[in-house]
Amino acid sequence: MAKLILTHEVTGLGEPGDVVDVKDGYARNYLIPRSLATPWSKGAESQVTAIRKARKAREIATLDEAKATRDSLQSKAVTVKAKSGNGGRLFGAVTTAEIAAAVAELGGVTVDKRKIEIAQPIKSTGEFSVSVRLHPEVSAKIAVNVVAA
């Protein structure tokens, strides 16, 4: 088991500044190459406290912002255009990047594509519900309407 310090949020694992134990292969092949985590050491413990302190200061300021953003996102439906064949079946699937671009185009709110969670891949036209994590305590449900291009 490898002991790591998370530098970015990893779904199902933790927040920035958390010290986690993961399997060696997951650390070596996924987390460290993508700069999501750094190896833990005694000297890095001060880095952990600095990350936590900065995160705590940001959280208090962004909680009210996240609630306001949630309300504005949930009040509108986002339309994504995709190429489709017969019967409304898409060529490929709608990605989180396409949804993030459509949200930014619609209301000017920028949503990180890594914060968007799609329960089932969107592979046909129609209306779907997508979750966006805006804050550890706040998430928004967005109505996504997929239409043929």
N, C-alpha and C. Protein backbone atom coordinates (compact mmCIF):
# COMPACT_ATOMS: atom_id res chain seq x y z
N MET A 1 0.85 -1.18 0.00
CA MET A 1 0.00 0.00 0.00
C MET A 1 0.89 1.24 0.00
N ALA A 2 0.49 2.21 -0.81
CA ALA A 2 1.23 3.47 -0.91
C ALA A 2 0.48 4.55 -0.13
N LYS A 3 1.23 5.37 0.57
CA LYS A 3 0.65 6.48 1.32
C LYS A 3 0.88 7.75 0.52
N LEU A 4 -0.23 8.45 0.18
CA LEU A 4 -0.16 9.62 -0.70
C LEU A 4 -0.88 10.81 -0.07
N ILE A 5 -0.51 11.99 -0.56
CA ILE A 5 -1.21 13.23 -0.22
C ILE A 5 -1.94 13.68 -1.48
N LEU A 6 -3.25 13.81 -1.41
CA LEU A 6 -4.03 14.24 -2.57
C LEU A 6 -3.82 15.73 -2.80
N THR A 7 -3.57 16.10 -4.06
CA THR A 7 -3.42 17.50 -4.41
C THR A 7 -4.65 18.03 -5.13
N HIS A 8 -5.51 17.14 -5.62
CA HIS A 8 -6.77 17.50 -6.27
C HIS A 8 -7.86 16.57 -5.73
N GLU A 9 -9.11 16.95 -5.95
CA GLU A 9 -10.22 16.11 -5.53
C GLU A 9 -10.29 14.87 -6.42
N VAL A 10 -10.43 13.70 -5.79
CA VAL A 10 -10.60 12.44 -6.50
C VAL A 10 -11.90 11.82 -5.99
N THR A 11 -12.86 11.60 -6.90
CA THR A 11 -14.16 11.08 -6.52
C THR A 11 -14.01 9.72 -5.86
N GLY A 12 -14.60 9.56 -4.71
CA GLY A 12 -14.57 8.29 -4.00
C GLY A 12 -13.32 8.09 -3.16
N LEU A 13 -12.36 9.02 -3.22
CA LEU A 13 -11.12 8.86 -2.48
C LEU A 13 -10.91 9.97 -1.46
N GLY A 14 -11.05 11.24 -1.88
CA GLY A 14 -10.89 12.31 -0.92
C GLY A 14 -10.71 13.68 -1.57
N GLU A 15 -10.46 14.65 -0.71
CA GLU A 15 -10.30 16.04 -1.09
C GLU A 15 -8.82 16.41 -1.07
N PRO A 16 -8.45 17.56 -1.64
CA PRO A 16 -7.06 18.00 -1.58
C PRO A 16 -6.59 18.13 -0.14
N GLY A 17 -5.40 17.63 0.14
CA GLY A 17 -4.84 17.70 1.49
C GLY A 17 -5.07 16.45 2.31
N ASP A 18 -5.90 15.54 1.84
CA ASP A 18 -6.15 14.29 2.56
C ASP A 18 -4.98 13.34 2.37
N VAL A 19 -4.63 12.61 3.41
CA VAL A 19 -3.60 11.57 3.33
C VAL A 19 -4.34 10.24 3.20
N VAL A 20 -4.06 9.49 2.11
CA VAL A 20 -4.78 8.26 1.84
C VAL A 20 -3.80 7.12 1.59
N ASP A 21 -4.27 5.90 1.86
CA ASP A 21 -3.53 4.69 1.53
C ASP A 21 -4.23 4.03 0.36
N VAL A 22 -3.49 3.83 -0.74
CA VAL A 22 -4.03 3.19 -1.93
C VAL A 22 -3.07 2.10 -2.38
N LYS A 23 -3.54 1.26 -3.27
CA LYS A 23 -2.68 0.21 -3.80
C LYS A 23 -1.57 0.83 -4.65
N ASP A 24 -0.43 0.17 -4.68
CA ASP A 24 0.74 0.69 -5.37
C ASP A 24 0.48 0.98 -6.85
N GLY A 25 -0.21 0.07 -7.53
CA GLY A 25 -0.46 0.25 -8.96
C GLY A 25 -1.35 1.45 -9.24
N TYR A 26 -2.36 1.69 -8.40
CA TYR A 26 -3.26 2.83 -8.56
C TYR A 26 -2.47 4.13 -8.38
N ALA A 27 -1.58 4.14 -7.39
CA ALA A 27 -0.76 5.32 -7.15
C ALA A 27 0.22 5.55 -8.30
N ARG A 28 0.94 4.50 -8.68
CA ARG A 28 2.00 4.60 -9.68
C ARG A 28 1.46 4.87 -11.09
N ASN A 29 0.33 4.26 -11.45
CA ASN A 29 -0.17 4.33 -12.82
C ASN A 29 -1.25 5.39 -13.05
N TYR A 30 -1.92 5.85 -12.00
CA TYR A 30 -3.02 6.78 -12.20
C TYR A 30 -2.83 8.09 -11.45
N LEU A 31 -2.73 8.04 -10.13
CA LEU A 31 -2.75 9.26 -9.33
C LEU A 31 -1.51 10.13 -9.52
N ILE A 32 -0.33 9.55 -9.44
CA ILE A 32 0.90 10.35 -9.53
C ILE A 32 1.14 10.87 -10.95
N PRO A 33 0.99 10.07 -12.02
CA PRO A 33 1.21 10.63 -13.36
C PRO A 33 0.25 11.76 -13.74
N ARG A 34 -0.95 11.75 -13.20
CA ARG A 34 -1.94 12.79 -13.51
C ARG A 34 -1.85 13.96 -12.53
N SER A 35 -0.86 13.96 -11.65
CA SER A 35 -0.63 15.01 -10.65
C SER A 35 -1.83 15.19 -9.73
N LEU A 36 -2.53 14.10 -9.43
CA LEU A 36 -3.64 14.14 -8.49
C LEU A 36 -3.16 13.93 -7.07
N ALA A 37 -1.94 13.38 -6.91
CA ALA A 37 -1.40 13.10 -5.59
C ALA A 37 0.12 13.13 -5.64
N THR A 38 0.72 13.32 -4.46
CA THR A 38 2.17 13.25 -4.31
C THR A 38 2.50 12.25 -3.21
N PRO A 39 3.67 11.63 -3.27
CA PRO A 39 4.04 10.68 -2.22
C PRO A 39 4.12 11.36 -0.86
N TRP A 40 3.72 10.65 0.17
CA TRP A 40 3.73 11.18 1.52
C TRP A 40 5.13 11.07 2.11
N SER A 41 5.52 12.09 2.87
CA SER A 41 6.77 12.05 3.63
C SER A 41 6.58 12.92 4.87
N LYS A 42 7.49 12.80 5.82
CA LYS A 42 7.35 13.60 7.04
C LYS A 42 7.45 15.09 6.72
N GLY A 43 8.31 15.45 5.79
CA GLY A 43 8.46 16.85 5.41
C GLY A 43 7.23 17.38 4.70
N ALA A 44 6.49 16.51 4.04
CA ALA A 44 5.30 16.94 3.31
C ALA A 44 4.11 17.17 4.23
N GLU A 45 4.25 16.82 5.48
CA GLU A 45 3.15 17.03 6.44
C GLU A 45 2.81 18.52 6.57
N SER A 46 3.81 19.39 6.48
CA SER A 46 3.55 20.83 6.52
C SER A 46 2.79 21.27 5.28
N GLN A 47 3.06 20.61 4.15
CA GLN A 47 2.34 20.90 2.91
C GLN A 47 0.86 20.54 3.08
N VAL A 48 0.59 19.44 3.77
CA VAL A 48 -0.78 19.01 4.02
C VAL A 48 -1.53 20.06 4.84
N THR A 49 -0.91 20.57 5.87
CA THR A 49 -1.58 21.56 6.70
C THR A 49 -1.84 22.85 5.92
N ALA A 50 -0.91 23.23 5.05
CA ALA A 50 -1.10 24.43 4.23
C ALA A 50 -2.26 24.25 3.25
N ILE A 51 -2.35 23.07 2.64
CA ILE A 51 -3.44 22.79 1.70
C ILE A 51 -4.78 22.81 2.42
N ARG A 52 -4.83 22.21 3.60
CA ARG A 52 -6.09 22.17 4.37
C ARG A 52 -6.52 23.56 4.81
N LYS A 53 -5.56 24.38 5.23
CA LYS A 53 -5.88 25.74 5.66
C LYS A 53 -6.43 26.56 4.50
N ALA A 54 -5.82 26.46 3.33
CA ALA A 54 -6.29 27.19 2.16
C ALA A 54 -7.67 26.70 1.73
N ARG A 55 -7.88 25.37 1.79
CA ARG A 55 -9.17 24.80 1.41
C ARG A 55 -10.26 25.28 2.35
N LYS A 56 -9.98 25.34 3.65
CA LYS A 56 -10.97 25.78 4.63
C LYS A 56 -11.37 27.24 4.38
N ALA A 57 -10.40 28.08 4.05
CA ALA A 57 -10.70 29.49 3.79
C ALA A 57 -11.55 29.63 2.53
N ARG A 58 -11.26 28.84 1.49
CA ARG A 58 -12.04 28.90 0.25
C ARG A 58 -13.45 28.36 0.46
N GLU A 59 -13.61 27.31 1.25
CA GLU A 59 -14.92 26.68 1.44
C GLU A 59 -15.93 27.64 2.02
N ILE A 60 -15.53 28.40 3.02
CA ILE A 60 -16.46 29.32 3.66
C ILE A 60 -16.94 30.37 2.66
N ALA A 61 -16.04 30.88 1.84
CA ALA A 61 -16.40 31.91 0.87
C ALA A 61 -17.24 31.35 -0.27
N THR A 62 -16.98 30.10 -0.66
CA THR A 62 -17.65 29.58 -1.84
C THR A 62 -18.97 28.86 -1.55
N LEU A 63 -19.33 28.63 -0.31
CA LEU A 63 -20.57 27.92 0.00
C LEU A 63 -21.78 28.72 -0.48
N ASP A 64 -21.81 30.02 -0.18
CA ASP A 64 -22.93 30.86 -0.62
C ASP A 64 -22.94 30.98 -2.14
N GLU A 65 -21.75 31.10 -2.74
CA GLU A 65 -21.62 31.16 -4.19
C GLU A 65 -22.16 29.89 -4.84
N ALA A 66 -21.82 28.74 -4.26
CA ALA A 66 -22.24 27.45 -4.80
C ALA A 66 -23.76 27.30 -4.73
N LYS A 67 -24.37 27.77 -3.66
CA LYS A 67 -25.83 27.69 -3.55
C LYS A 67 -26.51 28.56 -4.60
N ALA A 68 -25.96 29.74 -4.83
CA ALA A 68 -26.52 30.62 -5.86
C ALA A 68 -26.35 30.02 -7.25
N THR A 69 -25.20 29.42 -7.50
CA THR A 69 -24.94 28.77 -8.79
C THR A 69 -25.87 27.59 -8.98
N ARG A 70 -26.09 26.82 -7.91
CA ARG A 70 -27.00 25.67 -7.99
C ARG A 70 -28.39 26.12 -8.40
N ASP A 71 -28.88 27.18 -7.78
CA ASP A 71 -30.22 27.67 -8.10
C ASP A 71 -30.33 28.11 -9.55
N SER A 72 -29.29 28.78 -10.05
CA SER A 72 -29.35 29.25 -11.45
C SER A 72 -29.23 28.07 -12.43
N LEU A 73 -28.44 27.06 -12.10
CA LEU A 73 -28.28 25.90 -12.98
C LEU A 73 -29.55 25.05 -13.04
N GLN A 74 -30.21 24.87 -11.91
CA GLN A 74 -31.38 24.01 -11.86
C GLN A 74 -32.60 24.67 -12.50
N SER A 75 -32.56 25.99 -12.66
CA SER A 75 -33.72 26.68 -13.24
C SER A 75 -33.75 26.60 -14.77
N LYS A 76 -32.62 26.19 -15.39
CA LYS A 76 -32.55 26.16 -16.85
C LYS A 76 -32.24 24.75 -17.34
N ALA A 77 -32.71 24.45 -18.55
CA ALA A 77 -32.37 23.18 -19.20
C ALA A 77 -31.28 23.46 -20.23
N VAL A 78 -30.30 22.57 -20.29
CA VAL A 78 -29.18 22.72 -21.20
C VAL A 78 -29.44 21.88 -22.44
N THR A 79 -29.17 22.44 -23.63
CA THR A 79 -29.37 21.71 -24.88
C THR A 79 -28.01 21.39 -25.48
N VAL A 80 -27.82 20.10 -25.80
CA VAL A 80 -26.58 19.64 -26.43
C VAL A 80 -26.95 19.05 -27.78
N LYS A 81 -26.24 19.49 -28.83
CA LYS A 81 -26.48 18.95 -30.16
C LYS A 81 -25.44 17.88 -30.45
N ALA A 82 -25.92 16.75 -31.00
CA ALA A 82 -25.01 15.64 -31.32
C ALA A 82 -25.49 14.96 -32.59
N LYS A 83 -24.55 14.38 -33.32
CA LYS A 83 -24.90 13.65 -34.54
C LYS A 83 -25.60 12.36 -34.16
N SER A 84 -26.70 12.08 -34.86
CA SER A 84 -27.45 10.86 -34.54
C SER A 84 -27.89 10.17 -35.82
N GLY A 85 -28.16 8.88 -35.67
CA GLY A 85 -28.64 8.08 -36.79
C GLY A 85 -30.13 7.86 -36.69
N ASN A 86 -30.60 6.81 -37.31
CA ASN A 86 -32.02 6.47 -37.27
C ASN A 86 -32.44 6.11 -35.85
N GLY A 87 -33.64 6.51 -35.48
CA GLY A 87 -34.18 6.17 -34.17
C GLY A 87 -33.60 6.99 -33.03
N GLY A 88 -32.86 8.04 -33.33
CA GLY A 88 -32.33 8.90 -32.27
C GLY A 88 -31.09 8.37 -31.59
N ARG A 89 -30.47 7.34 -32.12
CA ARG A 89 -29.25 6.78 -31.52
C ARG A 89 -28.06 7.63 -31.96
N LEU A 90 -27.22 8.02 -30.97
CA LEU A 90 -26.09 8.89 -31.25
C LEU A 90 -24.89 8.11 -31.77
N PHE A 91 -24.06 8.80 -32.54
CA PHE A 91 -22.77 8.25 -32.95
C PHE A 91 -21.80 8.60 -31.82
N GLY A 92 -21.57 7.68 -30.90
CA GLY A 92 -20.75 7.96 -29.73
C GLY A 92 -21.64 8.29 -28.55
N ALA A 93 -21.14 9.12 -27.64
CA ALA A 93 -21.89 9.50 -26.45
C ALA A 93 -21.63 10.96 -26.14
N VAL A 94 -22.53 11.57 -25.39
CA VAL A 94 -22.37 12.94 -24.95
C VAL A 94 -21.36 12.94 -23.80
N THR A 95 -20.33 13.79 -23.90
CA THR A 95 -19.28 13.82 -22.89
C THR A 95 -19.53 14.94 -21.88
N THR A 96 -18.80 14.86 -20.78
CA THR A 96 -18.91 15.91 -19.76
C THR A 96 -18.38 17.24 -20.28
N ALA A 97 -17.40 17.19 -21.18
CA ALA A 97 -16.87 18.43 -21.77
C ALA A 97 -17.93 19.14 -22.61
N GLU A 98 -18.73 18.37 -23.35
CA GLU A 98 -19.80 18.96 -24.15
C GLU A 98 -20.87 19.59 -23.26
N ILE A 99 -21.18 18.92 -22.16
CA ILE A 99 -22.17 19.46 -21.22
C ILE A 99 -21.64 20.74 -20.58
N ALA A 100 -20.37 20.74 -20.17
CA ALA A 100 -19.77 21.93 -19.55
C ALA A 100 -19.76 23.10 -20.53
N ALA A 101 -19.46 22.83 -21.81
CA ALA A 101 -19.47 23.89 -22.82
C ALA A 101 -20.88 24.44 -23.03
N ALA A 102 -21.88 23.56 -23.03
CA ALA A 102 -23.26 23.99 -23.21
C ALA A 102 -23.73 24.82 -22.02
N VAL A 103 -23.32 24.47 -20.82
CA VAL A 103 -23.70 25.24 -19.63
C VAL A 103 -23.06 26.62 -19.69
N ALA A 104 -21.79 26.69 -20.08
CA ALA A 104 -21.10 27.98 -20.17
C ALA A 104 -21.72 28.86 -21.26
N GLU A 105 -22.13 28.24 -22.35
CA GLU A 105 -22.75 28.97 -23.46
C GLU A 105 -24.12 29.51 -23.06
N LEU A 106 -24.84 28.74 -22.25
CA LEU A 106 -26.20 29.11 -21.87
C LEU A 106 -26.25 30.25 -20.87
N GLY A 107 -25.52 30.09 -19.77
CA GLY A 107 -25.66 31.07 -18.70
C GLY A 107 -24.40 31.79 -18.30
N GLY A 108 -23.28 31.47 -18.91
CA GLY A 108 -22.04 32.14 -18.55
C GLY A 108 -21.38 31.57 -17.31
N VAL A 109 -21.99 30.58 -16.66
CA VAL A 109 -21.41 29.95 -15.48
C VAL A 109 -20.42 28.89 -15.96
N THR A 110 -19.20 28.95 -15.46
CA THR A 110 -18.24 27.92 -15.85
C THR A 110 -18.29 26.77 -14.87
N VAL A 111 -18.46 25.57 -15.42
CA VAL A 111 -18.51 24.36 -14.62
C VAL A 111 -17.36 23.47 -15.08
N ASP A 112 -16.57 22.98 -14.14
CA ASP A 112 -15.46 22.11 -14.46
C ASP A 112 -16.00 20.76 -14.94
N LYS A 113 -15.50 20.28 -16.07
CA LYS A 113 -16.00 19.02 -16.64
C LYS A 113 -15.73 17.84 -15.71
N ARG A 114 -14.74 17.95 -14.83
CA ARG A 114 -14.44 16.86 -13.91
C ARG A 114 -15.43 16.79 -12.75
N LYS A 115 -16.20 17.85 -12.56
CA LYS A 115 -17.20 17.89 -11.49
C LYS A 115 -18.56 17.37 -11.95
N ILE A 116 -18.71 17.11 -13.24
CA ILE A 116 -19.98 16.62 -13.78
C ILE A 116 -19.99 15.10 -13.70
N GLU A 117 -21.09 14.56 -13.18
CA GLU A 117 -21.23 13.11 -13.04
C GLU A 117 -22.43 12.64 -13.84
N ILE A 118 -22.17 11.74 -14.79
CA ILE A 118 -23.23 11.15 -15.61
C ILE A 118 -23.44 9.73 -15.12
N ALA A 119 -24.66 9.41 -14.66
CA ALA A 119 -24.93 8.08 -14.11
C ALA A 119 -24.80 7.00 -15.17
N GLN A 120 -25.47 7.17 -16.29
CA GLN A 120 -25.42 6.24 -17.42
C GLN A 120 -24.95 7.02 -18.64
N PRO A 121 -24.12 6.41 -19.50
CA PRO A 121 -23.69 7.13 -20.72
C PRO A 121 -24.90 7.58 -21.55
N ILE A 122 -24.83 8.80 -22.04
CA ILE A 122 -25.92 9.36 -22.84
C ILE A 122 -25.63 9.02 -24.30
N LYS A 123 -26.40 8.07 -24.86
CA LYS A 123 -26.16 7.58 -26.21
C LYS A 123 -27.37 7.71 -27.12
N SER A 124 -28.38 8.49 -26.70
CA SER A 124 -29.55 8.70 -27.54
C SER A 124 -30.09 10.10 -27.30
N THR A 125 -30.97 10.54 -28.19
CA THR A 125 -31.58 11.85 -28.02
C THR A 125 -32.66 11.77 -26.94
N GLY A 126 -32.95 12.90 -26.33
CA GLY A 126 -33.97 12.94 -25.29
C GLY A 126 -33.52 13.80 -24.12
N GLU A 127 -34.26 13.69 -23.02
CA GLU A 127 -33.94 14.46 -21.82
C GLU A 127 -33.29 13.56 -20.78
N PHE A 128 -32.22 14.07 -20.14
CA PHE A 128 -31.48 13.32 -19.14
C PHE A 128 -31.17 14.24 -17.97
N SER A 129 -30.90 13.63 -16.82
CA SER A 129 -30.53 14.38 -15.62
C SER A 129 -29.07 14.09 -15.29
N VAL A 130 -28.31 15.16 -15.05
CA VAL A 130 -26.88 15.05 -14.77
C VAL A 130 -26.60 15.78 -13.47
N SER A 131 -25.69 15.25 -12.66
CA SER A 131 -25.34 15.86 -11.39
C SER A 131 -24.02 16.62 -11.51
N VAL A 132 -23.95 17.78 -10.86
CA VAL A 132 -22.74 18.59 -10.85
C VAL A 132 -22.37 18.87 -9.40
N ARG A 133 -21.14 18.52 -9.02
CA ARG A 133 -20.65 18.79 -7.67
C ARG A 133 -20.03 20.19 -7.65
N LEU A 134 -20.71 21.14 -7.04
CA LEU A 134 -20.24 22.51 -6.98
C LEU A 134 -19.40 22.77 -5.74
N HIS A 135 -19.66 22.01 -4.69
CA HIS A 135 -19.04 22.20 -3.38
C HIS A 135 -19.20 20.87 -2.66
N PRO A 136 -18.37 20.56 -1.67
CA PRO A 136 -18.56 19.29 -0.96
C PRO A 136 -19.96 19.11 -0.36
N GLU A 137 -20.63 20.21 -0.05
CA GLU A 137 -21.97 20.13 0.54
C GLU A 137 -23.08 20.46 -0.45
N VAL A 138 -22.73 20.95 -1.65
CA VAL A 138 -23.73 21.41 -2.61
C VAL A 138 -23.53 20.72 -3.96
N SER A 139 -24.62 20.11 -4.44
CA SER A 139 -24.57 19.58 -5.80
C SER A 139 -25.88 19.98 -6.50
N ALA A 140 -25.80 20.08 -7.82
CA ALA A 140 -26.95 20.52 -8.61
C ALA A 140 -27.32 19.46 -9.62
N LYS A 141 -28.61 19.34 -9.89
CA LYS A 141 -29.11 18.46 -10.94
C LYS A 141 -29.43 19.33 -12.15
N ILE A 142 -28.83 18.99 -13.28
CA ILE A 142 -29.05 19.74 -14.51
C ILE A 142 -29.86 18.89 -15.47
N ALA A 143 -30.85 19.50 -16.08
CA ALA A 143 -31.64 18.82 -17.12
C ALA A 143 -30.91 19.02 -18.44
N VAL A 144 -30.51 17.92 -19.08
CA VAL A 144 -29.79 17.98 -20.36
C VAL A 144 -30.70 17.45 -21.44
N ASN A 145 -30.95 18.28 -22.44
CA ASN A 145 -31.79 17.90 -23.57
C ASN A 145 -30.87 17.65 -24.76
N VAL A 146 -30.79 16.41 -25.23
CA VAL A 146 -29.94 16.04 -26.35
C VAL A 146 -30.79 16.03 -27.62
N VAL A 147 -30.37 16.82 -28.60
CA VAL A 147 -31.09 16.90 -29.88
C VAL A 147 -30.15 16.54 -31.02
N ALA A 148 -30.75 16.10 -32.12
CA ALA A 148 -29.97 15.72 -33.30
C ALA A 148 -29.43 16.97 -33.98
N ALA A 149 -28.17 16.89 -34.41
CA ALA A 149 -27.53 18.03 -35.07
C ALA A 149 -27.91 18.08 -36.54
